[in-house]
């Protein structure tokens, strides 16, 4: 399978995993009522960060463990910032949403590999 096809599969898996998690945590833990903004934030965060992880970071980091740690940490922070801005949360709340969503997609990815 071509690398680009693997990326599209990963993007699809990320979206179907993370968007519902972002929705549930935002809606029920933080009581955000704006469904459109929750879904938009979930989609835009993954669409903006996953290409960085797949296509840009590998050019700068060759060590696999460092790549994963640096990449996932950066993604969690960037996505938290997106949630913070779009959903108007405290940054600590946005960080929790981002961590839970990313942990969920990592676990699902590991389970289906």
PDB file of N, CA and C in Angstrom:
ATOM      1  N   UNK A   1       0.847  -1.173   0.000  1.00  0.00           N
ATOM      2  CA  UNK A   1       0.000   0.000   0.000  1.00  0.00           C
ATOM      3  C   UNK A   1       0.897   1.242   0.000  1.00  0.00           C
ATOM      4  N   UNK A   2       0.548   2.209  -0.795  1.00  0.00           N
ATOM      5  CA  UNK A   2       1.318   3.450  -0.890  1.00  0.00           C
ATOM      6  C   UNK A   2       1.220   4.240   0.414  1.00  0.00           C
ATOM      7  N   UNK A   3       2.277   4.985   0.705  1.00  0.00           N
ATOM      8  CA  UNK A   3       2.339   5.786   1.931  1.00  0.00           C
ATOM      9  C   UNK A   3       1.158   6.755   2.009  1.00  0.00           C
ATOM     10  N   UNK A   4       0.802   7.347   0.891  1.00  0.00           N
ATOM     11  CA  UNK A   4      -0.302   8.300   0.861  1.00  0.00           C
ATOM     12  C   UNK A   4      -1.629   7.621   1.206  1.00  0.00           C
ATOM     13  N   UNK A   5      -1.821   6.389   0.723  1.00  0.00           N
ATOM     14  CA  UNK A   5      -3.036   5.642   1.053  1.00  0.00           C
ATOM     15  C   UNK A   5      -3.056   5.286   2.541  1.00  0.00           C
ATOM     16  N   UNK A   6      -1.903   4.927   3.082  1.00  0.00           N
ATOM     17  CA  UNK A   6      -1.815   4.643   4.518  1.00  0.00           C
ATOM     18  C   UNK A   6      -2.159   5.898   5.329  1.00  0.00           C
ATOM     19  N   UNK A   7      -1.695   7.061   4.845  1.00  0.00           N
ATOM     20  CA  UNK A   7      -2.016   8.321   5.514  1.00  0.00           C
ATOM     21  C   UNK A   7      -3.525   8.569   5.503  1.00  0.00           C
ATOM     22  N   UNK A   8      -4.165   8.378   4.352  1.00  0.00           N
ATOM     23  CA  UNK A   8      -5.609   8.600   4.265  1.00  0.00           C
ATOM     24  C   UNK A   8      -6.376   7.641   5.180  1.00  0.00           C
ATOM     25  N   UNK A   9      -5.916   6.400   5.262  1.00  0.00           N
ATOM     26  CA  UNK A   9      -6.532   5.447   6.190  1.00  0.00           C
ATOM     27  C   UNK A   9      -6.370   5.920   7.637  1.00  0.00           C
ATOM     28  N   UNK A  10      -5.174   6.408   7.963  1.00  0.00           N
ATOM     29  CA  UNK A  10      -4.914   6.904   9.322  1.00  0.00           C
ATOM     30  C   UNK A  10      -5.759   8.140   9.622  1.00  0.00           C
ATOM     31  N   UNK A  11      -5.911   9.005   8.639  1.00  0.00           N
ATOM     32  CA  UNK A  11      -6.731  10.202   8.824  1.00  0.00           C
ATOM     33  C   UNK A  11      -8.190   9.807   9.070  1.00  0.00           C
ATOM     34  N   UNK A  12      -8.693   8.881   8.275  1.00  0.00           N
ATOM     35  CA  UNK A  12     -10.068   8.412   8.454  1.00  0.00           C
ATOM     36  C   UNK A  12     -10.247   7.797   9.848  1.00  0.00           C
ATOM     37  N   UNK A  13      -9.330   6.944  10.241  1.00  0.00           N
ATOM     38  CA  UNK A  13      -9.399   6.313  11.563  1.00  0.00           C
ATOM     39  C   UNK A  13      -9.328   7.366  12.670  1.00  0.00           C
ATOM     40  N   UNK A  14      -8.453   8.329  12.502  1.00  0.00           N
ATOM     41  CA  UNK A  14      -8.313   9.402  13.489  1.00  0.00           C
ATOM     42  C   UNK A  14      -9.611  10.182  13.613  1.00  0.00           C
ATOM     43  N   UNK A  15     -10.211  10.532  12.489  1.00  0.00           N
ATOM     44  CA  UNK A  15     -11.450  11.307  12.528  1.00  0.00           C
ATOM     45  C   UNK A  15     -12.605  10.533  13.150  1.00  0.00           C
ATOM     46  N   UNK A  16     -12.749   9.261  12.778  1.00  0.00           N
ATOM     47  CA  UNK A  16     -13.891   8.510  13.332  1.00  0.00           C
ATOM     48  C   UNK A  16     -13.678   8.135  14.797  1.00  0.00           C
ATOM     49  N   UNK A  17     -12.446   8.242  15.255  1.00  0.00           N
ATOM     50  CA  UNK A  17     -12.167   7.981  16.668  1.00  0.00           C
ATOM     51  C   UNK A  17     -12.209   9.267  17.485  1.00  0.00           C
ATOM     52  N   UNK A  18     -11.470  10.272  17.040  1.00  0.00           N
ATOM     53  CA  UNK A  18     -11.282  11.471  17.864  1.00  0.00           C
ATOM     54  C   UNK A  18     -12.486  12.408  17.883  1.00  0.00           C
ATOM     55  N   UNK A  19     -13.162  12.581  16.766  1.00  0.00           N
ATOM     56  CA  UNK A  19     -14.291  13.519  16.753  1.00  0.00           C
ATOM     57  C   UNK A  19     -15.382  13.099  17.742  1.00  0.00           C
ATOM     58  N   UNK A  20     -15.791  11.830  17.765  1.00  0.00           N
ATOM     59  CA  UNK A  20     -16.782  11.451  18.798  1.00  0.00           C
ATOM     60  C   UNK A  20     -16.269  11.623  20.231  1.00  0.00           C
ATOM     61  N   UNK A  21     -14.989  11.353  20.450  1.00  0.00           N
ATOM     62  CA  UNK A  21     -14.426  11.535  21.792  1.00  0.00           C
ATOM     63  C   UNK A  21     -14.444  13.012  22.173  1.00  0.00           C
ATOM     64  N   UNK A  22     -14.025  13.869  21.262  1.00  0.00           N
ATOM     65  CA  UNK A  22     -14.053  15.315  21.518  1.00  0.00           C
ATOM     66  C   UNK A  22     -15.484  15.761  21.796  1.00  0.00           C
ATOM     67  N   UNK A  23     -16.413  15.233  21.012  1.00  0.00           N
ATOM     68  CA  UNK A  23     -17.819  15.602  21.188  1.00  0.00           C
ATOM     69  C   UNK A  23     -18.324  15.202  22.580  1.00  0.00           C
ATOM     70  N   UNK A  24     -18.111  13.958  22.946  1.00  0.00           N
ATOM     71  CA  UNK A  24     -18.621  13.456  24.231  1.00  0.00           C
ATOM     72  C   UNK A  24     -17.985  14.192  25.406  1.00  0.00           C
ATOM     73  N   UNK A  25     -16.666  14.351  25.378  1.00  0.00           N
ATOM     74  CA  UNK A  25     -15.991  15.025  26.498  1.00  0.00           C
ATOM     75  C   UNK A  25     -16.401  16.496  26.576  1.00  0.00           C
ATOM     76  N   UNK A  26     -16.455  17.167  25.436  1.00  0.00           N
ATOM     77  CA  UNK A  26     -16.819  18.590  25.426  1.00  0.00           C
ATOM     78  C   UNK A  26     -18.257  18.804  25.875  1.00  0.00           C
ATOM     79  N   UNK A  27     -19.118  17.985  25.359  1.00  0.00           N
ATOM     80  CA  UNK A  27     -20.550  18.143  25.613  1.00  0.00           C
ATOM     81  C   UNK A  27     -20.940  17.743  27.041  1.00  0.00           C
ATOM     82  N   UNK A  28     -20.414  16.627  27.500  1.00  0.00           N
ATOM     83  CA  UNK A  28     -20.893  16.084  28.771  1.00  0.00           C
ATOM     84  C   UNK A  28     -19.996  16.407  29.968  1.00  0.00           C
ATOM     85  N   UNK A  29     -18.696  16.562  29.746  1.00  0.00           N
ATOM     86  CA  UNK A  29     -17.821  16.918  30.855  1.00  0.00           C
ATOM     87  C   UNK A  29     -17.760  18.434  31.033  1.00  0.00           C
ATOM     88  N   UNK A  30     -17.671  19.161  29.923  1.00  0.00           N
ATOM     89  CA  UNK A  30     -17.523  20.617  29.999  1.00  0.00           C
ATOM     90  C   UNK A  30     -18.778  21.380  29.606  1.00  0.00           C
ATOM     91  N   UNK A  31     -19.856  20.658  29.313  1.00  0.00           N
ATOM     92  CA  UNK A  31     -21.186  21.247  29.081  1.00  0.00           C
ATOM     93  C   UNK A  31     -21.227  22.267  27.937  1.00  0.00           C
ATOM     94  N   UNK A  32     -20.442  22.043  26.899  1.00  0.00           N
ATOM     95  CA  UNK A  32     -20.477  22.920  25.731  1.00  0.00           C
ATOM     96  C   UNK A  32     -21.696  22.533  24.902  1.00  0.00           C
ATOM     97  N   UNK A  33     -22.480  23.515  24.532  1.00  0.00           N
ATOM     98  CA  UNK A  33     -23.750  23.247  23.850  1.00  0.00           C
ATOM     99  C   UNK A  33     -23.656  23.378  22.313  1.00  0.00           C
ATOM    100  N   UNK A  34     -22.648  24.025  21.821  1.00  0.00           N
ATOM    101  CA  UNK A  34     -22.540  24.302  20.378  1.00  0.00           C
ATOM    102  C   UNK A  34     -21.997  23.076  19.632  1.00  0.00           C
ATOM    103  N   UNK A  35     -22.909  22.214  19.179  1.00  0.00           N
ATOM    104  CA  UNK A  35     -22.512  20.983  18.495  1.00  0.00           C
ATOM    105  C   UNK A  35     -21.653  21.244  17.266  1.00  0.00           C
ATOM    106  N   UNK A  36     -22.002  22.257  16.489  1.00  0.00           N
ATOM    107  CA  UNK A  36     -21.242  22.557  15.278  1.00  0.00           C
ATOM    108  C   UNK A  36     -19.786  22.864  15.619  1.00  0.00           C
ATOM    109  N   UNK A  37     -19.547  23.730  16.583  1.00  0.00           N
ATOM    110  CA  UNK A  37     -18.176  24.089  16.948  1.00  0.00           C
ATOM    111  C   UNK A  37     -17.394  22.906  17.511  1.00  0.00           C
ATOM    112  N   UNK A  38     -18.070  22.043  18.244  1.00  0.00           N
ATOM    113  CA  UNK A  38     -17.379  20.859  18.772  1.00  0.00           C
ATOM    114  C   UNK A  38     -16.921  19.968  17.627  1.00  0.00           C
ATOM    115  N   UNK A  39     -17.828  19.684  16.706  1.00  0.00           N
ATOM    116  CA  UNK A  39     -17.488  18.822  15.569  1.00  0.00           C
ATOM    117  C   UNK A  39     -16.441  19.498  14.687  1.00  0.00           C
ATOM    118  N   UNK A  40     -16.605  20.785  14.435  1.00  0.00           N
ATOM    119  CA  UNK A  40     -15.635  21.530  13.640  1.00  0.00           C
ATOM    120  C   UNK A  40     -14.251  21.481  14.279  1.00  0.00           C
ATOM    121  N   UNK A  41     -14.179  21.708  15.577  1.00  0.00           N
ATOM    122  CA  UNK A  41     -12.886  21.691  16.287  1.00  0.00           C
ATOM    123  C   UNK A  41     -12.252  20.307  16.205  1.00  0.00           C
ATOM    124  N   UNK A  42     -13.059  19.271  16.354  1.00  0.00           N
ATOM    125  CA  UNK A  42     -12.534  17.909  16.265  1.00  0.00           C
ATOM    126  C   UNK A  42     -11.979  17.585  14.885  1.00  0.00           C
ATOM    127  N   UNK A  43     -12.694  18.002  13.856  1.00  0.00           N
ATOM    128  CA  UNK A  43     -12.240  17.732  12.485  1.00  0.00           C
ATOM    129  C   UNK A  43     -11.016  18.572  12.140  1.00  0.00           C
ATOM    130  N   UNK A  44     -11.083  19.855  12.387  1.00  0.00           N
ATOM    131  CA  UNK A  44      -9.997  20.749  11.966  1.00  0.00           C
ATOM    132  C   UNK A  44      -8.700  20.433  12.698  1.00  0.00           C
ATOM    133  N   UNK A  45      -8.790  20.023  13.949  1.00  0.00           N
ATOM    134  CA  UNK A  45      -7.564  19.719  14.689  1.00  0.00           C
ATOM    135  C   UNK A  45      -6.839  18.517  14.080  1.00  0.00           C
ATOM    136  N   UNK A  46      -7.569  17.479  13.733  1.00  0.00           N
ATOM    137  CA  UNK A  46      -6.932  16.299  13.131  1.00  0.00           C
ATOM    138  C   UNK A  46      -6.432  16.580  11.729  1.00  0.00           C
ATOM    139  N   UNK A  47      -7.223  17.297  10.958  1.00  0.00           N
ATOM    140  CA  UNK A  47      -6.840  17.600   9.573  1.00  0.00           C
ATOM    141  C   UNK A  47      -5.590  18.485   9.529  1.00  0.00           C
ATOM    142  N   UNK A  48      -5.422  19.329  10.520  1.00  0.00           N
ATOM    143  CA  UNK A  48      -4.243  20.203  10.549  1.00  0.00           C
ATOM    144  C   UNK A  48      -2.997  19.524  11.120  1.00  0.00           C
ATOM    145  N   UNK A  49      -3.166  18.595  12.054  1.00  0.00           N
ATOM    146  CA  UNK A  49      -1.988  18.041  12.723  1.00  0.00           C
ATOM    147  C   UNK A  49      -1.473  16.733  12.130  1.00  0.00           C
ATOM    148  N   UNK A  50      -2.347  15.901  11.609  1.00  0.00           N
ATOM    149  CA  UNK A  50      -1.889  14.603  11.121  1.00  0.00           C
ATOM    150  C   UNK A  50      -0.911  14.711   9.943  1.00  0.00           C
ATOM    151  N   UNK A  51      -1.122  15.613   8.988  1.00  0.00           N
ATOM    152  CA  UNK A  51      -0.119  15.744   7.906  1.00  0.00           C
ATOM    153  C   UNK A  51       1.269  16.128   8.433  1.00  0.00           C
ATOM    154  N   UNK A  52       1.296  16.966   9.452  1.00  0.00           N
ATOM    155  CA  UNK A  52       2.571  17.326  10.079  1.00  0.00           C
ATOM    156  C   UNK A  52       3.267  16.070  10.594  1.00  0.00           C
ATOM    157  N   UNK A  53       2.528  15.224  11.285  1.00  0.00           N
ATOM    158  CA  UNK A  53       3.078  14.004  11.874  1.00  0.00           C
ATOM    159  C   UNK A  53       3.569  13.026  10.801  1.00  0.00           C
ATOM    160  N   UNK A  54       2.834  12.914   9.714  1.00  0.00           N
ATOM    161  CA  UNK A  54       3.163  11.937   8.678  1.00  0.00           C
ATOM    162  C   UNK A  54       4.167  12.434   7.646  1.00  0.00           C
ATOM    163  N   UNK A  55       4.120  13.725   7.293  1.00  0.00           N
ATOM    164  CA  UNK A  55       4.901  14.198   6.153  1.00  0.00           C
ATOM    165  C   UNK A  55       6.021  15.178   6.494  1.00  0.00           C
ATOM    166  N   UNK A  56       5.921  15.892   7.590  1.00  0.00           N
ATOM    167  CA  UNK A  56       6.936  16.905   7.901  1.00  0.00           C
ATOM    168  C   UNK A  56       7.903  16.431   8.974  1.00  0.00           C
ATOM    169  N   UNK A  57       7.393  15.971  10.085  1.00  0.00           N
ATOM    170  CA  UNK A  57       8.250  15.555  11.194  1.00  0.00           C
ATOM    171  C   UNK A  57       9.268  14.479  10.823  1.00  0.00           C
ATOM    172  N   UNK A  58       8.928  13.503   9.981  1.00  0.00           N
ATOM    173  CA  UNK A  58       9.919  12.465   9.643  1.00  0.00           C
ATOM    174  C   UNK A  58      11.188  13.006   8.981  1.00  0.00           C
ATOM    175  N   UNK A  59      11.100  14.167   8.348  1.00  0.00           N
ATOM    176  CA  UNK A  59      12.291  14.765   7.737  1.00  0.00           C
ATOM    177  C   UNK A  59      13.265  15.313   8.778  1.00  0.00           C
ATOM    178  N   UNK A  60      12.777  15.582   9.967  1.00  0.00           N
ATOM    179  CA  UNK A  60      13.605  16.193  10.996  1.00  0.00           C
ATOM    180  C   UNK A  60      14.005  15.244  12.126  1.00  0.00           C
ATOM    181  N   UNK A  61      13.250  14.169  12.297  1.00  0.00           N
ATOM    182  CA  UNK A  61      13.507  13.245  13.401  1.00  0.00           C
ATOM    183  C   UNK A  61      13.566  11.826  12.842  1.00  0.00           C
ATOM    184  N   UNK A  62      14.728  11.201  12.944  1.00  0.00           N
ATOM    185  CA  UNK A  62      14.870   9.844  12.395  1.00  0.00           C
ATOM    186  C   UNK A  62      14.732   8.756  13.455  1.00  0.00           C
ATOM    187  N   UNK A  63      14.958   9.087  14.708  1.00  0.00           N
ATOM    188  CA  UNK A  63      14.815   8.109  15.787  1.00  0.00           C
ATOM    189  C   UNK A  63      13.332   7.856  16.028  1.00  0.00           C
ATOM    190  N   UNK A  64      12.893   6.605  15.893  1.00  0.00           N
ATOM    191  CA  UNK A  64      11.468   6.247  15.965  1.00  0.00           C
ATOM    192  C   UNK A  64      10.835   6.648  17.302  1.00  0.00           C
ATOM    193  N   UNK A  65      11.484   6.355  18.410  1.00  0.00           N
ATOM    194  CA  UNK A  65      10.926   6.678  19.723  1.00  0.00           C
ATOM    195  C   UNK A  65      10.805   8.192  19.902  1.00  0.00           C
ATOM    196  N   UNK A  66      11.842   8.926  19.536  1.00  0.00           N
ATOM    197  CA  UNK A  66      11.799  10.385  19.626  1.00  0.00           C
ATOM    198  C   UNK A  66      10.716  10.953  18.716  1.00  0.00           C
ATOM    199  N   UNK A  67      10.593  10.373  17.532  1.00  0.00           N
ATOM    200  CA  UNK A  67       9.565  10.790  16.569  1.00  0.00           C
ATOM    201  C   UNK A  67       8.171  10.664  17.182  1.00  0.00           C
ATOM    202  N   UNK A  68       7.894   9.546  17.809  1.00  0.00           N
ATOM    203  CA  UNK A  68       6.574   9.317  18.390  1.00  0.00           C
ATOM    204  C   UNK A  68       6.336  10.237  19.585  1.00  0.00           C
ATOM    205  N   UNK A  69       7.310  10.338  20.475  1.00  0.00           N
ATOM    206  CA  UNK A  69       7.154  11.178  21.664  1.00  0.00           C
ATOM    207  C   UNK A  69       7.010  12.646  21.285  1.00  0.00           C
ATOM    208  N   UNK A  70       7.911  13.138  20.448  1.00  0.00           N
ATOM    209  CA  UNK A  70       7.861  14.535  20.019  1.00  0.00           C
ATOM    210  C   UNK A  70       6.602  14.823  19.206  1.00  0.00           C
ATOM    211  N   UNK A  71       6.281  13.914  18.288  1.00  0.00           N
ATOM    212  CA  UNK A  71       5.115  14.112  17.429  1.00  0.00           C
ATOM    213  C   UNK A  71       3.815  14.127  18.214  1.00  0.00           C
ATOM    214  N   UNK A  72       3.604  13.125  19.038  1.00  0.00           N
ATOM    215  CA  UNK A  72       2.349  13.055  19.798  1.00  0.00           C
ATOM    216  C   UNK A  72       2.240  14.191  20.814  1.00  0.00           C
ATOM    217  N   UNK A  73       3.339  14.537  21.458  1.00  0.00           N
ATOM    218  CA  UNK A  73       3.319  15.665  22.406  1.00  0.00           C
ATOM    219  C   UNK A  73       2.963  16.965  21.701  1.00  0.00           C
ATOM    220  N   UNK A  74       3.571  17.176  20.548  1.00  0.00           N
ATOM    221  CA  UNK A  74       3.277  18.392  19.776  1.00  0.00           C
ATOM    222  C   UNK A  74       1.828  18.423  19.327  1.00  0.00           C
ATOM    223  N   UNK A  75       1.339  17.285  18.857  1.00  0.00           N
ATOM    224  CA  UNK A  75      -0.045  17.213  18.397  1.00  0.00           C
ATOM    225  C   UNK A  75      -1.009  17.493  19.542  1.00  0.00           C
ATOM    226  N   UNK A  76      -0.758  16.926  20.701  1.00  0.00           N
ATOM    227  CA  UNK A  76      -1.631  17.169  21.847  1.00  0.00           C
ATOM    228  C   UNK A  76      -1.664  18.656  22.184  1.00  0.00           C
ATOM    229  N   UNK A  77      -0.507  19.316  22.174  1.00  0.00           N
ATOM    230  CA  UNK A  77      -0.463  20.754  22.485  1.00  0.00           C
ATOM    231  C   UNK A  77      -1.146  21.596  21.411  1.00  0.00           C
ATOM    232  N   UNK A  78      -0.894  21.277  20.155  1.00  0.00           N
ATOM    233  CA  UNK A  78      -1.491  22.050  19.058  1.00  0.00           C
ATOM    234  C   UNK A  78      -3.007  21.870  19.049  1.00  0.00           C
ATOM    235  N   UNK A  79      -3.460  20.627  19.184  1.00  0.00           N
ATOM    236  CA  UNK A  79      -4.900  20.389  19.198  1.00  0.00           C
ATOM    237  C   UNK A  79      -5.548  21.028  20.421  1.00  0.00           C
ATOM    238  N   UNK A  80      -4.871  21.010  21.551  1.00  0.00           N
ATOM    239  CA  UNK A  80      -5.402  21.677  22.748  1.00  0.00           C
ATOM    240  C   UNK A  80      -5.575  23.171  22.486  1.00  0.00           C
ATOM    241  N   UNK A  81      -4.617  23.764  21.800  1.00  0.00           N
ATOM    242  CA  UNK A  81      -4.730  25.188  21.469  1.00  0.00           C
ATOM    243  C   UNK A  81      -5.935  25.439  20.559  1.00  0.00           C
ATOM    244  N   UNK A  82      -6.155  24.549  19.603  1.00  0.00           N
ATOM    245  CA  UNK A  82      -7.315  24.679  18.708  1.00  0.00           C
ATOM    246  C   UNK A  82      -8.612  24.575  19.512  1.00  0.00           C
ATOM    247  N   UNK A  83      -8.704  23.603  20.406  1.00  0.00           N
ATOM    248  CA  UNK A  83      -9.906  23.463  21.238  1.00  0.00           C
ATOM    249  C   UNK A  83     -10.088  24.677  22.148  1.00  0.00           C
ATOM    250  N   UNK A  84      -8.994  25.148  22.694  1.00  0.00           N
ATOM    251  CA  UNK A  84      -9.016  26.335  23.560  1.00  0.00           C
ATOM    252  C   UNK A  84      -9.615  27.533  22.820  1.00  0.00           C
ATOM    253  N   UNK A  85      -9.177  27.747  21.592  1.00  0.00           N
ATOM    254  CA  UNK A  85      -9.642  28.899  20.817  1.00  0.00           C
ATOM    255  C   UNK A  85     -11.071  28.713  20.302  1.00  0.00           C
ATOM    256  N   UNK A  86     -11.355  27.567  19.707  1.00  0.00           N
ATOM    257  CA  UNK A  86     -12.666  27.372  19.085  1.00  0.00           C
ATOM    258  C   UNK A  86     -13.757  27.142  20.124  1.00  0.00           C
ATOM    259  N   UNK A  87     -13.462  26.349  21.133  1.00  0.00           N
ATOM    260  CA  UNK A  87     -14.483  26.001  22.121  1.00  0.00           C
ATOM    261  C   UNK A  87     -14.497  26.933  23.327  1.00  0.00           C
ATOM    262  N   UNK A  88     -13.527  27.859  23.356  1.00  0.00           N
ATOM    263  CA  UNK A  88     -13.448  28.853  24.430  1.00  0.00           C
ATOM    264  C   UNK A  88     -13.397  28.202  25.819  1.00  0.00           C
ATOM    265  N   UNK A  89     -12.507  27.234  25.927  1.00  0.00           N
ATOM    266  CA  UNK A  89     -12.280  26.529  27.179  1.00  0.00           C
ATOM    267  C   UNK A  89     -11.062  27.095  27.898  1.00  0.00           C
ATOM    268  N   UNK A  90     -10.880  26.713  29.139  1.00  0.00           N
ATOM    269  CA  UNK A  90      -9.594  26.942  29.793  1.00  0.00           C
ATOM    270  C   UNK A  90      -8.586  26.047  29.085  1.00  0.00           C
ATOM    271  N   UNK A  91      -7.333  26.472  29.049  1.00  0.00           N
ATOM    272  CA  UNK A  91      -6.345  25.658  28.342  1.00  0.00           C
ATOM    273  C   UNK A  91      -6.197  24.283  28.992  1.00  0.00           C
ATOM    274  N   UNK A  92      -6.306  24.218  30.304  1.00  0.00           N
ATOM    275  CA  UNK A  92      -6.193  22.918  30.984  1.00  0.00           C
ATOM    276  C   UNK A  92      -7.320  21.974  30.556  1.00  0.00           C
ATOM    277  N   UNK A  93      -8.517  22.505  30.356  1.00  0.00           N
ATOM    278  CA  UNK A  93      -9.631  21.687  29.882  1.00  0.00           C
ATOM    279  C   UNK A  93      -9.383  21.210  28.452  1.00  0.00           C
ATOM    280  N   UNK A  94      -8.902  22.116  27.623  1.00  0.00           N
ATOM    281  CA  UNK A  94      -8.605  21.763  26.232  1.00  0.00           C
ATOM    282  C   UNK A  94      -7.512  20.708  26.163  1.00  0.00           C
ATOM    283  N   UNK A  95      -6.552  20.809  27.051  1.00  0.00           N
ATOM    284  CA  UNK A  95      -5.460  19.828  27.104  1.00  0.00           C
ATOM    285  C   UNK A  95      -5.986  18.438  27.490  1.00  0.00           C
ATOM    286  N   UNK A  96      -6.924  18.394  28.391  1.00  0.00           N
ATOM    287  CA  UNK A  96      -7.523  17.119  28.789  1.00  0.00           C
ATOM    288  C   UNK A  96      -8.282  16.497  27.616  1.00  0.00           C
ATOM    289  N   UNK A  97      -9.061  17.297  26.917  1.00  0.00           N
ATOM    290  CA  UNK A  97      -9.786  16.792  25.743  1.00  0.00           C
ATOM    291  C   UNK A  97      -8.805  16.256  24.716  1.00  0.00           C
ATOM    292  N   UNK A  98      -7.774  17.020  24.433  1.00  0.00           N
ATOM    293  CA  UNK A  98      -6.785  16.612  23.438  1.00  0.00           C
ATOM    294  C   UNK A  98      -6.088  15.323  23.840  1.00  0.00           C
ATOM    295  N   UNK A  99      -5.708  15.222  25.094  1.00  0.00           N
ATOM    296  CA  UNK A  99      -5.036  14.017  25.567  1.00  0.00           C
ATOM    297  C   UNK A  99      -5.948  12.791  25.449  1.00  0.00           C
ATOM    298  N   UNK A 100      -7.186  12.919  25.891  1.00  0.00           N
ATOM    299  CA  UNK A 100      -8.121  11.792  25.829  1.00  0.00           C
ATOM    300  C   UNK A 100      -8.384  11.382  24.380  1.00  0.00           C
ATOM    301  N   UNK A 101      -8.601  12.358  23.505  1.00  0.00           N
ATOM    302  CA  UNK A 101      -8.878  12.059  22.092  1.00  0.00           C
ATOM    303  C   UNK A 101      -7.686  11.367  21.434  1.00  0.00           C
ATOM    304  N   UNK A 102      -6.500  11.874  21.671  1.00  0.00           N
ATOM    305  CA  UNK A 102      -5.313  11.280  21.049  1.00  0.00           C
ATOM    306  C   UNK A 102      -4.977   9.914  21.639  1.00  0.00           C
ATOM    307  N   UNK A 103      -5.144   9.764  22.926  1.00  0.00           N
ATOM    308  CA  UNK A 103      -4.919   8.454  23.535  1.00  0.00           C
ATOM    309  C   UNK A 103      -5.895   7.430  22.965  1.00  0.00           C
ATOM    310  N   UNK A 104      -7.130   7.852  22.744  1.00  0.00           N
ATOM    311  CA  UNK A 104      -8.133   6.957  22.164  1.00  0.00           C
ATOM    312  C   UNK A 104      -7.738   6.507  20.761  1.00  0.00           C
ATOM    313  N   UNK A 105      -7.303   7.447  19.938  1.00  0.00           N
ATOM    314  CA  UNK A 105      -6.960   7.059  18.564  1.00  0.00           C
ATOM    315  C   UNK A 105      -5.686   6.216  18.517  1.00  0.00           C
ATOM    316  N   UNK A 106      -4.758   6.477  19.425  1.00  0.00           N
ATOM    317  CA  UNK A 106      -3.545   5.640  19.480  1.00  0.00           C
ATOM    318  C   UNK A 106      -3.932   4.214  19.878  1.00  0.00           C
ATOM    319  N   UNK A 107      -4.775   4.085  20.893  1.00  0.00           N
ATOM    320  CA  UNK A 107      -5.186   2.747  21.344  1.00  0.00           C
ATOM    321  C   UNK A 107      -5.960   1.993  20.266  1.00  0.00           C
ATOM    322  N   UNK A 108      -6.879   2.668  19.610  1.00  0.00           N
ATOM    323  CA  UNK A 108      -7.645   2.031  18.524  1.00  0.00           C
ATOM    324  C   UNK A 108      -6.689   1.620  17.402  1.00  0.00           C
ATOM    325  N   UNK A 109      -5.758   2.504  17.053  1.00  0.00           N
ATOM    326  CA  UNK A 109      -4.786   2.181  16.013  1.00  0.00           C
ATOM    327  C   UNK A 109      -3.952   0.970  16.358  1.00  0.00           C
ATOM    328  N   UNK A 110      -3.516   0.883  17.598  1.00  0.00           N
ATOM    329  CA  UNK A 110      -2.727  -0.272  18.033  1.00  0.00           C
ATOM    330  C   UNK A 110      -3.549  -1.563  18.024  1.00  0.00           C
ATOM    331  N   UNK A 111      -4.814  -1.448  18.368  1.00  0.00           N
ATOM    332  CA  UNK A 111      -5.675  -2.636  18.398  1.00  0.00           C
ATOM    333  C   UNK A 111      -5.971  -3.202  17.012  1.00  0.00           C
ATOM    334  N   UNK A 112      -6.076  -2.334  16.014  1.00  0.00           N
ATOM    335  CA  UNK A 112      -6.424  -2.843  14.671  1.00  0.00           C
ATOM    336  C   UNK A 112      -5.216  -3.102  13.793  1.00  0.00           C
ATOM    337  N   UNK A 113      -4.047  -2.776  14.267  1.00  0.00           N
ATOM    338  CA  UNK A 113      -2.835  -3.025  13.461  1.00  0.00           C
ATOM    339  C   UNK A 113      -2.534  -4.487  13.382  1.00  0.00           C
TER     340      UNK A 113
END
